C-alpha atoms as a PDB file:
ATOM      1  CA  MET A   1       9.114 -32.066 -57.534  1.00  0.00           C
ATOM      2  CA  LYS A   2      12.662 -31.301 -56.312  1.00  0.00           C
ATOM      3  CA  ILE A   3      13.536 -27.499 -54.949  1.00  0.00           C
ATOM      4  CA  LEU A   4      16.399 -26.061 -54.411  1.00  0.00           C
ATOM      5  CA  LEU A   5      16.171 -22.929 -51.672  1.00  0.00           C
ATOM      6  CA  THR A   6      19.137 -20.685 -50.677  1.00  0.00           C
ATOM      7  CA  ALA A   7      19.945 -17.943 -48.307  1.00  0.00           C
ATOM      8  CA  PHE A   8      23.027 -16.138 -47.684  1.00  0.00           C
ATOM      9  CA  ASP A   9      24.512 -16.560 -44.075  1.00  0.00           C
ATOM     10  CA  PRO A  10      25.087 -13.484 -41.463  1.00  0.00           C
ATOM     11  CA  PHE A  11      27.079 -10.600 -43.084  1.00  0.00           C
ATOM     12  CA  GLY A  12      27.974  -7.145 -42.677  1.00  0.00           C
ATOM     13  CA  GLY A  13      28.603  -7.686 -38.698  1.00  0.00           C
ATOM     14  CA  GLU A  14      25.085  -8.919 -38.207  1.00  0.00           C
ATOM     15  CA  SER A  15      24.560 -12.144 -36.096  1.00  0.00           C
ATOM     16  CA  ILE A  16      21.708 -13.501 -37.819  1.00  0.00           C
ATOM     17  CA  ASN A  17      20.408 -13.283 -41.547  1.00  0.00           C
ATOM     18  CA  PRO A  18      16.392 -12.898 -41.928  1.00  0.00           C
ATOM     19  CA  ALA A  19      16.413 -14.933 -45.176  1.00  0.00           C
ATOM     20  CA  GLN A  20      18.483 -17.722 -43.447  1.00  0.00           C
ATOM     21  CA  GLU A  21      16.063 -17.739 -40.609  1.00  0.00           C
ATOM     22  CA  ALA A  22      13.043 -18.172 -42.998  1.00  0.00           C
ATOM     23  CA  LEU A  23      14.738 -20.881 -45.069  1.00  0.00           C
ATOM     24  CA  LYS A  24      15.053 -23.038 -41.866  1.00  0.00           C
ATOM     25  CA  GLN A  25      11.145 -22.551 -41.156  1.00  0.00           C
ATOM     26  CA  LEU A  26      10.087 -23.251 -44.631  1.00  0.00           C
ATOM     27  CA  LYS A  27       8.651 -26.817 -44.948  1.00  0.00           C
ATOM     28  CA  ALA A  28       7.522 -28.823 -48.154  1.00  0.00           C
ATOM     29  CA  PRO A  29       4.167 -28.101 -49.406  1.00  0.00           C
ATOM     30  CA  SER A  30       3.396 -31.923 -50.282  1.00  0.00           C
ATOM     31  CA  PRO A  31       4.837 -35.063 -49.655  1.00  0.00           C
ATOM     32  CA  ASP A  32       5.804 -35.190 -53.197  1.00  0.00           C
ATOM     33  CA  THR A  33       7.846 -32.320 -53.016  1.00  0.00           C
ATOM     34  CA  GLN A  34      11.572 -32.324 -52.057  1.00  0.00           C
ATOM     35  CA  LEU A  35      13.017 -29.281 -50.445  1.00  0.00           C
ATOM     36  CA  ILE A  36      16.746 -29.030 -50.203  1.00  0.00           C
ATOM     37  CA  LYS A  37      17.922 -25.787 -47.969  1.00  0.00           C
ATOM     38  CA  LEU A  38      21.245 -24.337 -48.579  1.00  0.00           C
ATOM     39  CA  VAL A  39      22.819 -21.620 -46.455  1.00  0.00           C
ATOM     40  CA  VAL A  40      25.325 -19.699 -49.143  1.00  0.00           C
ATOM     41  CA  PRO A  41      28.636 -18.219 -47.467  1.00  0.00           C
ATOM     42  CA  THR A  42      28.991 -14.639 -48.640  1.00  0.00           C
ATOM     43  CA  VAL A  43      32.084 -14.818 -49.745  1.00  0.00           C
ATOM     44  CA  PHE A  44      32.984 -13.404 -53.338  1.00  0.00           C
ATOM     45  CA  GLY A  45      33.288 -16.284 -55.791  1.00  0.00           C
ATOM     46  CA  LEU A  46      32.610 -19.151 -53.261  1.00  0.00           C
ATOM     47  CA  SER A  47      28.904 -18.085 -53.236  1.00  0.00           C
ATOM     48  CA  ILE A  48      27.874 -18.777 -56.546  1.00  0.00           C
ATOM     49  CA  GLN A  49      30.293 -21.658 -56.864  1.00  0.00           C
ATOM     50  CA  THR A  50      28.386 -23.337 -53.801  1.00  0.00           C
ATOM     51  CA  VAL A  51      25.123 -22.724 -55.545  1.00  0.00           C
ATOM     52  CA  TYR A  52      26.508 -23.970 -58.772  1.00  0.00           C
ATOM     53  CA  GLU A  53      27.770 -27.455 -57.256  1.00  0.00           C
ATOM     54  CA  ALA A  54      24.582 -28.087 -55.351  1.00  0.00           C
ATOM     55  CA  MET A  55      22.511 -27.635 -58.601  1.00  0.00           C
ATOM     56  CA  LYS A  56      24.847 -30.191 -60.372  1.00  0.00           C
ATOM     57  CA  GLU A  57      24.599 -32.552 -57.373  1.00  0.00           C
ATOM     58  CA  HIS A  58      20.776 -32.255 -56.749  1.00  0.00           C
ATOM     59  CA  GLN A  59      19.469 -31.352 -60.288  1.00  0.00           C
ATOM     60  CA  PRO A  60      16.353 -29.389 -58.688  1.00  0.00           C
ATOM     61  CA  ASP A  61      13.619 -28.702 -61.043  1.00  0.00           C
ATOM     62  CA  VAL A  62      12.989 -25.397 -59.592  1.00  0.00           C
ATOM     63  CA  VAL A  63      16.035 -22.770 -57.817  1.00  0.00           C
ATOM     64  CA  LEU A  64      14.730 -20.457 -55.618  1.00  0.00           C
ATOM     65  CA  CYS A  65      17.375 -17.950 -53.817  1.00  0.00           C
ATOM     66  CA  ILE A  66      15.821 -16.061 -51.099  1.00  0.00           C
ATOM     67  CA  GLY A  67      17.378 -12.758 -50.070  1.00  0.00           C
ATOM     68  CA  GLN A  68      16.749 -10.081 -47.280  1.00  0.00           C
ATOM     69  CA  ALA A  69      16.862  -6.936 -49.224  1.00  0.00           C
END
């Protein structure tokens, strides 16, 4: 199974984004699971384009978008 995990980069003047920090810590639950980790820029229009391009490139079975709110 291939899983695309996304989290935003820091925004709003913050130096870190807790979701991005959590993304760094995640590990595949089994050897047959591939995790693709993507940090998404907090730039209007560019964020969705970044995720879309990653989906096209990697063809994941699951996409999980992690957020701090």
